[in-house]
Amino acid sequence: MFIALKVVWEFVKRYWGYLLGGLAAIGGVILYLLWPKSPVPSPVIDPKNPTSDIDNEDKKINDAKKNEEERQKKAQEDYDRTVSDIQKKYEADERILTDREKTQIQQILDETSGNPDELTRRLSKLTGIPVGDGK
């Protein structure tokens, strides 16, 4: 029995690194298998209508697109109305509204969207004609 113990001890002394690595690997596998798992959140899907979320997103996208189109249409109408008003006042003064002035008017409208007082002040300064509410 002493000889068997001596042989085992020599084996352990010689290959202790491999034995330790093997024990670490086995311990890692055991820990992995026994460690509590956190549940993975799953998306909540309405069983009666599984495409309702997609439909809601489509509706939001379409509403946003519609609002943007309305905003652009309103901005274009404001531009057309403002240019028309200025052209009428220029014609009354026997002046011609140039393309450069039209471009400057468009730039002012873009820069002052949502601020009618600033718009009126800047257009009056550009054209020399009272524009907007101060007709």
N, C-alpha and C. Protein backbone atom coordinates (compact mmCIF):
# COMPACT_ATOMS: atom_id res chain seq x y z
N MET A 1 0.82 -1.18 0.00
CA MET A 1 0.00 0.00 0.00
C MET A 1 0.87 1.26 0.00
N PHE A 2 1.98 1.20 0.68
CA PHE A 2 2.90 2.31 0.70
C PHE A 2 3.43 2.63 -0.70
N ILE A 3 3.68 1.58 -1.45
CA ILE A 3 4.22 1.77 -2.79
C ILE A 3 3.18 2.42 -3.70
N ALA A 4 1.94 2.00 -3.56
CA ALA A 4 0.87 2.59 -4.37
C ALA A 4 0.72 4.07 -4.04
N LEU A 5 0.78 4.44 -2.75
CA LEU A 5 0.68 5.83 -2.33
C LEU A 5 1.86 6.64 -2.86
N LYS A 6 3.04 6.02 -2.85
CA LYS A 6 4.23 6.69 -3.34
C LYS A 6 4.11 6.96 -4.85
N VAL A 7 3.58 5.99 -5.60
CA VAL A 7 3.40 6.15 -7.05
C VAL A 7 2.39 7.25 -7.34
N VAL A 8 1.31 7.27 -6.58
CA VAL A 8 0.28 8.31 -6.76
C VAL A 8 0.89 9.68 -6.45
N TRP A 9 1.66 9.77 -5.34
CA TRP A 9 2.26 11.04 -4.96
C TRP A 9 3.23 11.53 -6.03
N GLU A 10 4.01 10.66 -6.60
CA GLU A 10 4.94 11.04 -7.67
C GLU A 10 4.18 11.53 -8.90
N PHE A 11 3.08 10.85 -9.20
CA PHE A 11 2.24 11.26 -10.33
C PHE A 11 1.68 12.67 -10.09
N VAL A 12 1.17 12.93 -8.86
CA VAL A 12 0.60 14.24 -8.52
C VAL A 12 1.69 15.31 -8.58
N LYS A 13 2.89 15.02 -8.07
CA LYS A 13 3.98 15.98 -8.09
C LYS A 13 4.38 16.32 -9.52
N ARG A 14 4.36 15.33 -10.37
CA ARG A 14 4.81 15.53 -11.74
C ARG A 14 3.75 16.25 -12.60
N TYR A 15 2.48 15.92 -12.41
CA TYR A 15 1.42 16.45 -13.27
C TYR A 15 0.43 17.33 -12.49
N TRP A 16 0.86 18.04 -11.46
CA TRP A 16 -0.05 18.81 -10.62
C TRP A 16 -0.73 19.95 -11.41
N GLY A 17 -0.06 20.52 -12.38
CA GLY A 17 -0.65 21.61 -13.18
C GLY A 17 -1.84 21.13 -14.00
N TYR A 18 -1.68 19.96 -14.60
CA TYR A 18 -2.79 19.41 -15.39
C TYR A 18 -3.98 19.04 -14.49
N LEU A 19 -3.67 18.48 -13.35
CA LEU A 19 -4.75 18.11 -12.41
C LEU A 19 -5.48 19.35 -11.92
N LEU A 20 -4.72 20.39 -11.59
CA LEU A 20 -5.34 21.62 -11.12
C LEU A 20 -6.19 22.26 -12.21
N GLY A 21 -5.70 22.27 -13.44
CA GLY A 21 -6.48 22.81 -14.57
C GLY A 21 -7.75 22.03 -14.80
N GLY A 22 -7.65 20.71 -14.71
CA GLY A 22 -8.84 19.87 -14.88
C GLY A 22 -9.87 20.13 -13.80
N LEU A 23 -9.42 20.25 -12.55
CA LEU A 23 -10.34 20.54 -11.45
C LEU A 23 -11.00 21.91 -11.63
N ALA A 24 -10.22 22.89 -12.10
CA ALA A 24 -10.79 24.23 -12.33
C ALA A 24 -11.86 24.18 -13.43
N ALA A 25 -11.59 23.45 -14.49
CA ALA A 25 -12.56 23.33 -15.57
C ALA A 25 -13.84 22.66 -15.09
N ILE A 26 -13.70 21.57 -14.35
CA ILE A 26 -14.88 20.85 -13.82
C ILE A 26 -15.65 21.76 -12.87
N GLY A 27 -14.93 22.51 -12.02
CA GLY A 27 -15.59 23.45 -11.10
C GLY A 27 -16.32 24.54 -11.85
N GLY A 28 -15.72 25.04 -12.93
CA GLY A 28 -16.38 26.07 -13.74
C GLY A 28 -17.66 25.58 -14.37
N VAL A 29 -17.64 24.37 -14.89
CA VAL A 29 -18.84 23.78 -15.49
C VAL A 29 -19.93 23.61 -14.44
N ILE A 30 -19.55 23.13 -13.27
CA ILE A 30 -20.53 22.93 -12.20
C ILE A 30 -21.14 24.27 -11.79
N LEU A 31 -20.30 25.31 -11.61
CA LEU A 31 -20.81 26.63 -11.25
C LEU A 31 -21.75 27.19 -12.33
N TYR A 32 -21.37 27.00 -13.57
CA TYR A 32 -22.21 27.48 -14.67
C TYR A 32 -23.58 26.82 -14.65
N LEU A 33 -23.60 25.52 -14.41
CA LEU A 33 -24.86 24.79 -14.41
C LEU A 33 -25.72 25.12 -13.20
N LEU A 34 -25.11 25.41 -12.08
CA LEU A 34 -25.87 25.67 -10.85
C LEU A 34 -26.20 27.14 -10.62
N TRP A 35 -25.54 28.05 -11.34
CA TRP A 35 -25.76 29.48 -11.13
C TRP A 35 -27.17 29.86 -11.55
N PRO A 36 -27.91 30.68 -10.75
CA PRO A 36 -29.28 31.03 -11.11
C PRO A 36 -29.30 31.91 -12.37
N LYS A 37 -30.19 31.59 -13.25
CA LYS A 37 -30.31 32.31 -14.52
C LYS A 37 -31.34 33.43 -14.37
N SER A 38 -31.06 34.60 -14.95
CA SER A 38 -32.06 35.67 -14.95
C SER A 38 -32.97 35.45 -16.16
N PRO A 39 -34.25 35.66 -15.98
CA PRO A 39 -35.17 35.44 -17.10
C PRO A 39 -34.95 36.48 -18.20
N VAL A 40 -35.04 36.05 -19.42
CA VAL A 40 -34.91 36.93 -20.57
C VAL A 40 -36.27 37.56 -20.82
N PRO A 41 -36.34 38.90 -20.81
CA PRO A 41 -37.65 39.52 -21.04
C PRO A 41 -38.12 39.25 -22.47
N SER A 42 -39.34 38.83 -22.57
CA SER A 42 -39.89 38.57 -23.90
C SER A 42 -40.88 39.68 -24.24
N PRO A 43 -40.96 40.03 -25.51
CA PRO A 43 -41.90 41.08 -25.88
C PRO A 43 -43.34 40.63 -25.63
N VAL A 44 -44.13 41.58 -25.16
CA VAL A 44 -45.54 41.28 -24.89
C VAL A 44 -46.31 41.43 -26.20
N ILE A 45 -46.89 40.35 -26.64
CA ILE A 45 -47.63 40.35 -27.90
C ILE A 45 -49.07 40.00 -27.60
N ASP A 46 -49.97 40.80 -28.14
CA ASP A 46 -51.39 40.55 -27.96
C ASP A 46 -51.75 39.30 -28.75
N PRO A 47 -52.20 38.24 -28.08
CA PRO A 47 -52.49 37.00 -28.82
C PRO A 47 -53.66 37.15 -29.80
N LYS A 48 -54.56 38.09 -29.53
CA LYS A 48 -55.70 38.26 -30.44
C LYS A 48 -55.30 39.01 -31.71
N ASN A 49 -54.33 39.92 -31.57
CA ASN A 49 -53.90 40.71 -32.73
C ASN A 49 -52.38 40.87 -32.67
N PRO A 50 -51.64 39.89 -33.17
CA PRO A 50 -50.19 39.94 -33.05
C PRO A 50 -49.53 41.06 -33.84
N THR A 51 -50.22 41.68 -34.78
CA THR A 51 -49.63 42.76 -35.58
C THR A 51 -50.04 44.13 -35.07
N SER A 52 -50.67 44.22 -33.89
CA SER A 52 -51.15 45.52 -33.40
C SER A 52 -50.01 46.49 -33.15
N ASP A 53 -48.88 46.02 -32.64
CA ASP A 53 -47.74 46.91 -32.41
C ASP A 53 -47.22 47.47 -33.73
N ILE A 54 -47.15 46.63 -34.74
CA ILE A 54 -46.70 47.08 -36.05
C ILE A 54 -47.68 48.10 -36.62
N ASP A 55 -48.98 47.81 -36.46
CA ASP A 55 -49.99 48.75 -36.95
C ASP A 55 -49.88 50.08 -36.24
N ASN A 56 -49.65 50.06 -34.92
CA ASN A 56 -49.51 51.31 -34.17
C ASN A 56 -48.30 52.10 -34.64
N GLU A 57 -47.18 51.42 -34.87
CA GLU A 57 -45.99 52.11 -35.35
C GLU A 57 -46.23 52.69 -36.74
N ASP A 58 -46.89 51.93 -37.61
CA ASP A 58 -47.21 52.43 -38.94
C ASP A 58 -48.10 53.67 -38.85
N LYS A 59 -49.06 53.65 -37.95
CA LYS A 59 -49.96 54.79 -37.79
C LYS A 59 -49.18 56.02 -37.31
N LYS A 60 -48.26 55.83 -36.36
CA LYS A 60 -47.45 56.95 -35.88
C LYS A 60 -46.59 57.53 -36.99
N ILE A 61 -46.00 56.66 -37.78
CA ILE A 61 -45.15 57.11 -38.89
C ILE A 61 -45.98 57.88 -39.90
N ASN A 62 -47.14 57.34 -40.25
CA ASN A 62 -48.01 58.01 -41.22
C ASN A 62 -48.51 59.35 -40.69
N ASP A 63 -48.84 59.41 -39.40
CA ASP A 63 -49.28 60.68 -38.81
C ASP A 63 -48.16 61.71 -38.84
N ALA A 64 -46.95 61.29 -38.52
CA ALA A 64 -45.82 62.21 -38.55
C ALA A 64 -45.56 62.71 -39.97
N LYS A 65 -45.66 61.80 -40.94
CA LYS A 65 -45.47 62.18 -42.34
C LYS A 65 -46.54 63.18 -42.78
N LYS A 66 -47.78 62.92 -42.37
CA LYS A 66 -48.89 63.81 -42.72
C LYS A 66 -48.69 65.19 -42.09
N ASN A 67 -48.28 65.22 -40.82
CA ASN A 67 -48.03 66.50 -40.15
C ASN A 67 -46.92 67.28 -40.85
N GLU A 68 -45.87 66.58 -41.25
CA GLU A 68 -44.77 67.25 -41.95
C GLU A 68 -45.22 67.81 -43.29
N GLU A 69 -46.04 67.04 -44.02
CA GLU A 69 -46.55 67.52 -45.30
C GLU A 69 -47.43 68.75 -45.10
N GLU A 70 -48.27 68.74 -44.05
CA GLU A 70 -49.12 69.90 -43.77
C GLU A 70 -48.28 71.11 -43.40
N ARG A 71 -47.22 70.90 -42.61
CA ARG A 71 -46.35 72.00 -42.22
C ARG A 71 -45.64 72.60 -43.43
N GLN A 72 -45.18 71.72 -44.34
CA GLN A 72 -44.52 72.23 -45.55
C GLN A 72 -45.50 72.97 -46.44
N LYS A 73 -46.73 72.44 -46.55
CA LYS A 73 -47.75 73.09 -47.37
C LYS A 73 -48.08 74.47 -46.80
N LYS A 74 -48.20 74.56 -45.47
CA LYS A 74 -48.49 75.84 -44.82
C LYS A 74 -47.35 76.82 -45.04
N ALA A 75 -46.11 76.34 -44.93
CA ALA A 75 -44.95 77.21 -45.14
C ALA A 75 -44.92 77.73 -46.57
N GLN A 76 -45.25 76.87 -47.53
CA GLN A 76 -45.27 77.30 -48.93
C GLN A 76 -46.39 78.32 -49.16
N GLU A 77 -47.56 78.10 -48.53
CA GLU A 77 -48.66 79.06 -48.66
C GLU A 77 -48.27 80.40 -48.05
N ASP A 78 -47.61 80.37 -46.89
CA ASP A 78 -47.14 81.61 -46.26
C ASP A 78 -46.17 82.35 -47.17
N TYR A 79 -45.25 81.61 -47.77
CA TYR A 79 -44.28 82.21 -48.67
C TYR A 79 -44.99 82.84 -49.87
N ASP A 80 -45.88 82.07 -50.50
CA ASP A 80 -46.59 82.59 -51.67
C ASP A 80 -47.40 83.83 -51.32
N ARG A 81 -48.10 83.80 -50.18
CA ARG A 81 -48.92 84.94 -49.77
C ARG A 81 -48.05 86.16 -49.48
N THR A 82 -46.92 85.95 -48.80
CA THR A 82 -46.03 87.06 -48.47
C THR A 82 -45.43 87.67 -49.73
N VAL A 83 -44.96 86.83 -50.64
CA VAL A 83 -44.38 87.33 -51.88
C VAL A 83 -45.45 88.07 -52.68
N SER A 84 -46.66 87.53 -52.71
CA SER A 84 -47.75 88.18 -53.44
C SER A 84 -48.06 89.55 -52.84
N ASP A 85 -48.12 89.63 -51.51
CA ASP A 85 -48.38 90.91 -50.85
C ASP A 85 -47.28 91.92 -51.17
N ILE A 86 -46.05 91.47 -51.10
CA ILE A 86 -44.94 92.39 -51.38
C ILE A 86 -44.94 92.82 -52.83
N GLN A 87 -45.25 91.88 -53.75
CA GLN A 87 -45.30 92.23 -55.16
C GLN A 87 -46.39 93.27 -55.42
N LYS A 88 -47.54 93.11 -54.79
CA LYS A 88 -48.63 94.08 -54.96
C LYS A 88 -48.20 95.46 -54.47
N LYS A 89 -47.53 95.48 -53.32
CA LYS A 89 -47.07 96.76 -52.78
C LYS A 89 -45.96 97.36 -53.64
N TYR A 90 -45.11 96.51 -54.21
CA TYR A 90 -44.08 96.99 -55.12
C TYR A 90 -44.72 97.58 -56.38
N GLU A 91 -45.75 96.89 -56.90
CA GLU A 91 -46.43 97.38 -58.10
C GLU A 91 -47.10 98.72 -57.82
N ALA A 92 -47.65 98.86 -56.61
CA ALA A 92 -48.27 100.13 -56.25
C ALA A 92 -47.22 101.24 -56.22
N ASP A 93 -46.00 100.91 -55.84
CA ASP A 93 -44.91 101.89 -55.83
C ASP A 93 -44.16 101.91 -57.15
N GLU A 94 -44.64 101.13 -58.13
CA GLU A 94 -44.03 101.01 -59.45
C GLU A 94 -42.58 100.52 -59.37
N ARG A 95 -42.36 99.49 -58.50
CA ARG A 95 -41.06 98.83 -58.39
C ARG A 95 -41.25 97.36 -58.77
N ILE A 96 -40.14 96.68 -59.08
CA ILE A 96 -40.20 95.27 -59.46
C ILE A 96 -39.45 94.45 -58.41
N LEU A 97 -40.08 93.35 -57.98
CA LEU A 97 -39.46 92.44 -57.01
C LEU A 97 -38.52 91.50 -57.77
N THR A 98 -37.22 91.56 -57.47
CA THR A 98 -36.23 90.76 -58.20
C THR A 98 -36.15 89.35 -57.63
N ASP A 99 -35.50 88.46 -58.39
CA ASP A 99 -35.29 87.09 -57.92
C ASP A 99 -34.43 87.07 -56.66
N ARG A 100 -33.47 87.97 -56.60
CA ARG A 100 -32.60 88.05 -55.41
C ARG A 100 -33.42 88.39 -54.18
N GLU A 101 -34.34 89.33 -54.33
CA GLU A 101 -35.19 89.70 -53.20
C GLU A 101 -36.13 88.56 -52.82
N LYS A 102 -36.62 87.83 -53.82
CA LYS A 102 -37.47 86.67 -53.53
C LYS A 102 -36.68 85.62 -52.74
N THR A 103 -35.41 85.41 -53.12
CA THR A 103 -34.56 84.46 -52.40
C THR A 103 -34.32 84.93 -50.97
N GLN A 104 -34.10 86.23 -50.80
CA GLN A 104 -33.90 86.76 -49.45
C GLN A 104 -35.17 86.63 -48.62
N ILE A 105 -36.31 86.83 -49.24
CA ILE A 105 -37.59 86.67 -48.53
C ILE A 105 -37.76 85.22 -48.08
N GLN A 106 -37.44 84.27 -48.97
CA GLN A 106 -37.54 82.85 -48.61
C GLN A 106 -36.60 82.54 -47.44
N GLN A 107 -35.40 83.09 -47.48
CA GLN A 107 -34.43 82.86 -46.40
C GLN A 107 -34.95 83.44 -45.09
N ILE A 108 -35.52 84.63 -45.14
CA ILE A 108 -36.06 85.25 -43.92
C ILE A 108 -37.22 84.42 -43.38
N LEU A 109 -38.10 83.93 -44.27
CA LEU A 109 -39.22 83.10 -43.83
C LEU A 109 -38.72 81.82 -43.16
N ASP A 110 -37.68 81.22 -43.71
CA ASP A 110 -37.12 80.00 -43.13
C ASP A 110 -36.50 80.28 -41.76
N GLU A 111 -35.80 81.40 -41.64
CA GLU A 111 -35.10 81.71 -40.40
C GLU A 111 -36.05 82.13 -39.28
N THR A 112 -37.17 82.74 -39.64
CA THR A 112 -38.06 83.29 -38.61
C THR A 112 -39.36 82.52 -38.48
N SER A 113 -39.38 81.26 -38.87
CA SER A 113 -40.62 80.49 -38.79
C SER A 113 -41.09 80.44 -37.34
N GLY A 114 -42.34 80.79 -37.11
CA GLY A 114 -42.90 80.76 -35.76
C GLY A 114 -42.74 82.07 -35.01
N ASN A 115 -42.16 83.11 -35.62
CA ASN A 115 -41.98 84.39 -34.95
C ASN A 115 -42.46 85.51 -35.90
N PRO A 116 -43.75 85.82 -35.88
CA PRO A 116 -44.30 86.79 -36.84
C PRO A 116 -43.75 88.20 -36.65
N ASP A 117 -43.45 88.61 -35.43
CA ASP A 117 -42.92 89.96 -35.20
C ASP A 117 -41.56 90.13 -35.86
N GLU A 118 -40.70 89.14 -35.68
CA GLU A 118 -39.37 89.19 -36.30
C GLU A 118 -39.49 89.14 -37.83
N LEU A 119 -40.42 88.32 -38.32
CA LEU A 119 -40.65 88.23 -39.76
C LEU A 119 -41.06 89.59 -40.32
N THR A 120 -42.02 90.24 -39.67
CA THR A 120 -42.50 91.54 -40.13
C THR A 120 -41.38 92.57 -40.11
N ARG A 121 -40.61 92.59 -39.03
CA ARG A 121 -39.53 93.56 -38.90
C ARG A 121 -38.48 93.37 -40.00
N ARG A 122 -38.08 92.11 -40.24
CA ARG A 122 -37.03 91.86 -41.23
C ARG A 122 -37.51 92.09 -42.65
N LEU A 123 -38.76 91.72 -42.96
CA LEU A 123 -39.29 91.97 -44.30
C LEU A 123 -39.45 93.47 -44.56
N SER A 124 -39.90 94.20 -43.55
CA SER A 124 -40.03 95.66 -43.70
C SER A 124 -38.66 96.29 -43.92
N LYS A 125 -37.66 95.79 -43.21
CA LYS A 125 -36.30 96.31 -43.37
C LYS A 125 -35.77 96.02 -44.77
N LEU A 126 -36.05 94.81 -45.29
CA LEU A 126 -35.56 94.42 -46.62
C LEU A 126 -36.23 95.22 -47.72
N THR A 127 -37.56 95.33 -47.63
CA THR A 127 -38.30 95.93 -48.74
C THR A 127 -38.59 97.41 -48.57
N GLY A 128 -38.55 97.89 -47.33
CA GLY A 128 -38.92 99.28 -47.09
C GLY A 128 -40.41 99.48 -47.07
N ILE A 129 -41.16 98.36 -47.08
CA ILE A 129 -42.62 98.42 -47.10
C ILE A 129 -43.13 97.72 -45.85
N PRO A 130 -44.10 98.30 -45.12
CA PRO A 130 -44.66 97.59 -43.98
C PRO A 130 -45.34 96.29 -44.44
N VAL A 131 -44.99 95.19 -43.80
CA VAL A 131 -45.49 93.88 -44.23
C VAL A 131 -46.18 93.21 -43.07
N GLY A 132 -47.16 92.38 -43.36
CA GLY A 132 -47.82 91.57 -42.33
C GLY A 132 -48.94 92.31 -41.67
N ASP A 133 -49.04 92.20 -40.32
CA ASP A 133 -50.15 92.79 -39.57
C ASP A 133 -50.15 94.31 -39.63
N GLY A 134 -49.00 94.92 -39.83
CA GLY A 134 -48.93 96.37 -39.87
C GLY A 134 -49.19 96.93 -41.25
N LYS A 135 -50.18 96.40 -42.01
CA LYS A 135 -50.46 96.79 -43.40
C LYS A 135 -50.90 98.23 -43.49
